[in-house]
């Protein structure tokens, strides 16, 4: 029997390319949006003073485009996971689908249950469908005893689940990695900015509180963008992990119901 598998999500090479593109976009935004002449006074972006928040971000230094690339990567994979997991979720509510499958299996109408799986068009439907097909295949097989039939159905459910789970969790590692490195990269940028600010103050020879405050505010921009990237990544990762857990729980519940019903009906 050919097993159905929900497709979707970026392949590995596309994921790597997407990260590179996000970093390139971060550099472009840094140079041409944050570094636009209108964000600074007459001396320009290199020597002038920033007039708005974009200008302050530009003064944050070379770490800022990396942080922007991280932020864009988080947003890109948020939409990638959102579309993929929504597709994997299939049509209709999972709990209603599972309840309907239970009723159809209990009544012995396996063909109708399989048809419902085809209509569901999600990971849950694919897993349940494989279990039902195996159920139907072994139900009247005289060469197998009850324990062997139960084992065959259970194995079919486990194999179908194993095909679906990698697709559901794929690329979540990218989001979790961004959550880990966002704040760290931001702190590196802040430390570098603080070193530059205090170094410039020491070189001037006389205390200049205005210049020091400006330097510190520019350095702290890195922390701001890093924390923003990490916070969004953590929220997105937990959201998608919860969705994957819900789908997995529905698979397990439906699979258990199929096996239990077979054990009840089998001679």
Protein backbone atom coordinates (compact mmCIF):
# COMPACT_ATOMS: atom_id res chain seq x y z
CA UNK A 1 0.00 0.00 0.00
CA UNK A 2 1.30 3.44 -0.90
CA UNK A 3 1.33 5.72 2.12
CA UNK A 4 0.06 9.26 1.86
CA UNK A 5 2.33 11.96 3.23
CA UNK A 6 1.59 15.62 3.77
CA UNK A 7 4.13 17.71 1.92
CA UNK A 8 5.19 21.25 2.66
CA UNK A 9 7.86 23.42 4.16
CA UNK A 10 11.23 24.52 2.88
CA UNK A 11 13.70 21.77 1.92
CA UNK A 12 17.15 22.03 3.52
CA UNK A 13 18.77 23.83 0.59
CA UNK A 14 15.89 26.30 0.35
CA UNK A 15 16.04 26.93 4.11
CA UNK A 16 19.76 27.70 3.89
CA UNK A 17 19.16 29.97 0.90
CA UNK A 18 16.33 31.74 2.74
CA UNK A 19 18.64 32.50 5.68
CA UNK A 20 21.27 33.94 3.34
CA UNK A 21 18.66 36.05 1.55
CA UNK A 22 17.39 37.37 4.91
CA UNK A 23 20.93 38.40 5.86
CA UNK A 24 21.37 40.14 2.51
CA UNK A 25 18.07 41.96 2.99
CA UNK A 26 19.28 42.98 6.46
CA UNK A 27 22.40 44.52 4.92
CA UNK A 28 20.35 46.31 2.26
CA UNK A 29 17.94 47.72 4.85
CA UNK A 30 20.86 48.82 7.00
CA UNK A 31 22.66 50.60 4.17
CA UNK A 32 19.79 52.14 2.24
CA UNK A 33 16.95 52.53 4.75
CA UNK A 34 18.62 53.12 8.09
CA UNK A 35 21.57 54.84 6.42
CA UNK A 36 19.46 57.18 4.28
CA UNK A 37 20.68 60.80 4.32
CA UNK A 38 17.34 62.02 5.66
CA UNK A 39 17.98 60.22 8.95
CA UNK A 40 21.02 62.43 9.72
CA UNK A 41 22.06 66.05 9.80
CA UNK A 42 24.09 67.74 7.06
CA UNK A 43 27.26 65.76 7.87
CA UNK A 44 25.65 62.55 6.61
CA UNK A 45 25.38 59.02 8.02
CA UNK A 46 29.09 58.46 8.70
CA UNK A 47 30.01 61.64 10.61
CA UNK A 48 26.66 63.28 11.27
CA UNK A 49 24.27 62.98 14.19
CA UNK A 50 21.07 60.91 13.83
CA UNK A 51 17.79 62.79 13.60
CA UNK A 52 15.45 59.84 14.29
CA UNK A 53 15.35 56.26 15.52
CA UNK A 54 16.44 54.87 12.14
CA UNK A 55 19.55 57.00 12.32
CA UNK A 56 20.26 55.78 15.86
CA UNK A 57 19.91 52.19 14.66
CA UNK A 58 22.37 52.83 11.84
CA UNK A 59 24.90 54.13 14.34
CA UNK A 60 24.63 50.80 16.16
CA UNK A 61 27.35 49.48 13.86
CA UNK A 62 28.05 46.35 11.85
CA UNK A 63 26.09 44.08 14.22
CA UNK A 64 22.78 45.76 13.26
CA UNK A 65 22.48 44.17 9.76
CA UNK A 66 23.16 40.75 11.32
CA UNK A 67 20.39 41.35 13.86
CA UNK A 68 18.05 42.56 11.12
CA UNK A 69 18.86 39.40 9.14
CA UNK A 70 18.02 37.33 12.23
CA UNK A 71 14.73 39.18 12.65
CA UNK A 72 13.79 38.68 8.99
CA UNK A 73 14.75 34.98 9.28
CA UNK A 74 12.39 34.57 12.24
CA UNK A 75 9.55 36.24 10.32
CA UNK A 76 10.23 34.20 7.17
CA UNK A 77 10.14 30.87 8.96
CA UNK A 78 7.11 31.96 10.98
CA UNK A 79 5.09 32.24 7.78
CA UNK A 80 6.68 29.06 6.38
CA UNK A 81 5.67 27.05 9.47
CA UNK A 82 2.27 28.76 9.68
CA UNK A 83 1.36 27.72 6.13
CA UNK A 84 2.83 24.21 6.46
CA UNK A 85 1.24 23.34 9.81
CA UNK A 86 -2.08 24.83 8.74
CA UNK A 87 -1.97 22.52 5.72
CA UNK A 88 -1.00 19.58 7.92
CA UNK A 89 -3.90 20.35 10.24
CA UNK A 90 -6.27 19.54 7.39
CA UNK A 91 -9.92 20.46 7.10
CA UNK A 92 -12.17 20.86 10.09
CA UNK A 93 -11.52 20.48 13.79
CA UNK A 94 -9.29 17.57 14.80
CA UNK A 95 -11.44 16.55 17.80
CA UNK A 96 -14.59 16.34 15.66
CA UNK A 97 -12.74 14.31 13.05
CA UNK A 98 -11.43 11.86 15.67
CA UNK A 99 -14.90 11.51 17.20
CA UNK A 100 -16.42 10.79 13.79
CA UNK A 101 -13.75 8.18 13.01
CA UNK A 102 -14.42 6.49 16.36
CA UNK A 103 -18.15 6.25 15.61
CA UNK A 104 -17.61 4.91 12.08
CA UNK A 105 -15.08 2.31 13.21
CA UNK A 106 -17.34 1.27 16.08
CA UNK A 107 -20.18 0.73 13.60
CA UNK A 108 -17.90 -1.28 11.31
CA UNK A 109 -18.13 1.17 8.38
CA UNK A 110 -14.43 1.25 7.48
CA UNK A 111 -15.00 2.48 3.92
CA UNK A 112 -16.83 5.56 5.20
CA UNK A 113 -14.06 6.15 7.74
CA UNK A 114 -11.41 5.95 5.01
CA UNK A 115 -13.45 8.38 2.89
CA UNK A 116 -13.51 10.81 5.82
CA UNK A 117 -9.71 10.57 6.04
CA UNK A 118 -9.46 11.46 2.35
CA UNK A 119 -11.68 14.48 2.95
CA UNK A 120 -9.63 15.61 5.95
CA UNK A 121 -6.52 16.07 3.75
CA UNK A 122 -4.11 16.52 6.65
CA UNK A 123 -1.47 14.65 8.60
CA UNK A 124 -4.07 13.29 11.00
CA UNK A 125 -6.17 11.96 8.12
CA UNK A 126 -3.13 10.34 6.50
CA UNK A 127 -2.14 8.51 9.68
CA UNK A 128 -5.65 7.31 10.46
CA UNK A 129 -6.14 6.24 6.85
CA UNK A 130 -3.09 3.97 6.95
CA UNK A 131 -4.33 2.40 10.17
CA UNK A 132 -7.78 1.80 8.70
CA UNK A 133 -6.39 0.33 5.49
CA UNK A 134 -4.29 -2.11 7.49
CA UNK A 135 -7.31 -2.83 9.71
CA UNK A 136 -9.35 -3.69 6.63
CA UNK A 137 -6.51 -5.74 5.12
CA UNK A 138 -5.86 -7.96 8.14
CA UNK A 139 -9.41 -8.18 9.49
CA UNK A 140 -10.32 -11.34 7.63
CA UNK A 141 -6.83 -12.74 7.07
CA UNK A 142 -6.98 -16.36 8.25
CA UNK A 143 -3.18 -16.71 8.33
CA UNK A 144 -2.74 -14.24 11.20
CA UNK A 145 -3.81 -14.53 14.80
CA UNK A 146 -5.30 -11.66 16.79
CA UNK A 147 -2.00 -10.52 18.29
CA UNK A 148 -0.30 -10.43 14.89
CA UNK A 149 -3.14 -8.40 13.43
CA UNK A 150 -2.99 -5.89 16.27
CA UNK A 151 0.78 -5.63 15.83
CA UNK A 152 0.36 -5.05 12.07
CA UNK A 153 -2.19 -2.25 12.62
CA UNK A 154 -0.03 -0.65 15.30
CA UNK A 155 3.02 -0.80 13.04
CA UNK A 156 1.12 0.81 10.17
CA UNK A 157 0.03 3.67 12.44
CA UNK A 158 3.57 4.14 13.77
CA UNK A 159 5.08 4.17 10.27
CA UNK A 160 2.53 6.70 9.03
CA UNK A 161 3.17 8.90 12.09
CA UNK A 162 6.92 8.66 11.50
CA UNK A 163 6.39 10.00 7.98
CA UNK A 164 4.38 12.98 9.18
CA UNK A 165 6.27 14.16 12.29
CA UNK A 166 9.49 15.27 10.54
CA UNK A 167 7.47 17.53 8.26
CA UNK A 168 5.63 19.05 11.23
CA UNK A 169 8.80 19.83 13.21
CA UNK A 170 11.00 20.71 10.24
CA UNK A 171 12.66 24.16 10.43
CA UNK A 172 11.53 24.71 14.02
CA UNK A 173 15.22 24.36 14.85
CA UNK A 174 15.91 27.50 12.82
CA UNK A 175 13.43 29.49 14.92
CA UNK A 176 14.81 28.07 18.18
CA UNK A 177 18.37 28.89 17.09
CA UNK A 178 17.36 32.48 16.32
CA UNK A 179 15.78 32.66 19.77
CA UNK A 180 19.09 31.64 21.33
CA UNK A 181 21.48 33.78 19.32
CA UNK A 182 19.39 36.95 18.92
CA UNK A 183 20.00 38.28 22.42
CA UNK A 184 23.62 37.11 22.44
CA UNK A 185 24.46 38.85 19.16
CA UNK A 186 22.65 41.96 20.42
CA UNK A 187 24.74 41.94 23.59
CA UNK A 188 27.92 41.58 21.56
CA UNK A 189 26.90 44.65 19.56
CA UNK A 190 26.14 46.54 22.74
CA UNK A 191 29.50 45.66 24.31
CA UNK A 192 31.34 46.68 21.14
CA UNK A 193 29.37 49.94 21.03
CA UNK A 194 30.11 50.70 24.69
CA UNK A 195 33.81 50.06 24.14
CA UNK A 196 33.78 52.47 21.21
CA UNK A 197 31.83 55.09 23.15
CA UNK A 198 34.13 55.04 26.17
CA UNK A 199 37.20 54.83 23.92
CA UNK A 200 36.11 57.96 22.06
CA UNK A 201 35.42 59.70 25.38
CA UNK A 202 38.89 58.81 26.66
CA UNK A 203 40.50 60.02 23.45
CA UNK A 204 38.71 63.37 23.73
CA UNK A 205 40.41 64.05 27.04
CA UNK A 206 37.50 66.01 28.51
CA UNK A 207 34.20 64.56 29.78
CA UNK A 208 31.36 65.05 27.30
CA UNK A 209 28.15 63.69 28.79
CA UNK A 210 26.13 64.40 25.65
CA UNK A 211 28.50 62.43 23.46
CA UNK A 212 28.63 59.61 26.01
CA UNK A 213 24.84 59.43 26.22
CA UNK A 214 24.59 59.37 22.43
CA UNK A 215 27.14 56.57 22.20
CA UNK A 216 25.40 54.49 24.85
CA UNK A 217 21.98 54.92 23.19
CA UNK A 218 23.44 53.79 19.87
CA UNK A 219 25.03 50.77 21.53
CA UNK A 220 21.80 49.77 23.28
CA UNK A 221 20.00 49.62 19.92
CA UNK A 222 21.72 46.28 19.36
CA UNK A 223 20.25 44.90 22.58
CA UNK A 224 16.80 46.17 21.59
CA UNK A 225 16.80 44.50 18.18
CA UNK A 226 18.36 41.32 19.59
CA UNK A 227 15.77 41.01 22.35
CA UNK A 228 12.96 41.72 19.87
CA UNK A 229 14.20 38.95 17.56
CA UNK A 230 14.59 36.49 20.44
CA UNK A 231 11.20 37.32 21.95
CA UNK A 232 9.41 36.80 18.65
CA UNK A 233 11.33 33.57 18.01
CA UNK A 234 10.44 32.18 21.45
CA UNK A 235 6.76 33.06 21.00
CA UNK A 236 6.64 31.52 17.52
CA UNK A 237 8.54 28.39 18.58
CA UNK A 238 6.24 27.73 21.53
CA UNK A 239 3.17 28.41 19.40
CA UNK A 240 4.20 25.94 16.70
CA UNK A 241 5.43 23.36 19.22
CA UNK A 242 2.00 23.47 20.83
CA UNK A 243 0.30 23.03 17.45
CA UNK A 244 2.53 20.05 16.62
CA UNK A 245 1.76 18.51 20.03
CA UNK A 246 -1.98 18.90 19.41
CA UNK A 247 -1.76 17.17 16.03
CA UNK A 248 0.43 14.41 17.48
CA UNK A 249 -1.99 13.88 20.37
CA UNK A 250 -4.89 13.60 17.91
CA UNK A 251 -2.91 11.00 15.91
CA UNK A 252 -2.22 8.97 19.04
CA UNK A 253 -5.82 9.21 20.21
CA UNK A 254 -7.22 8.11 16.86
CA UNK A 255 -4.66 5.31 16.53
CA UNK A 256 -5.41 4.01 20.01
CA UNK A 257 -9.15 4.02 19.22
CA UNK A 258 -8.60 2.01 16.04
CA UNK A 259 -6.45 -0.60 17.79
CA UNK A 260 -8.81 -0.81 20.76
CA UNK A 261 -11.85 -1.23 18.52
CA UNK A 262 -10.12 -3.97 16.55
CA UNK A 263 -9.23 -5.82 19.75
CA UNK A 264 -12.86 -5.60 20.84
CA UNK A 265 -14.30 -6.81 17.52
CA UNK A 266 -11.64 -9.39 16.58
CA UNK A 267 -12.30 -13.00 17.37
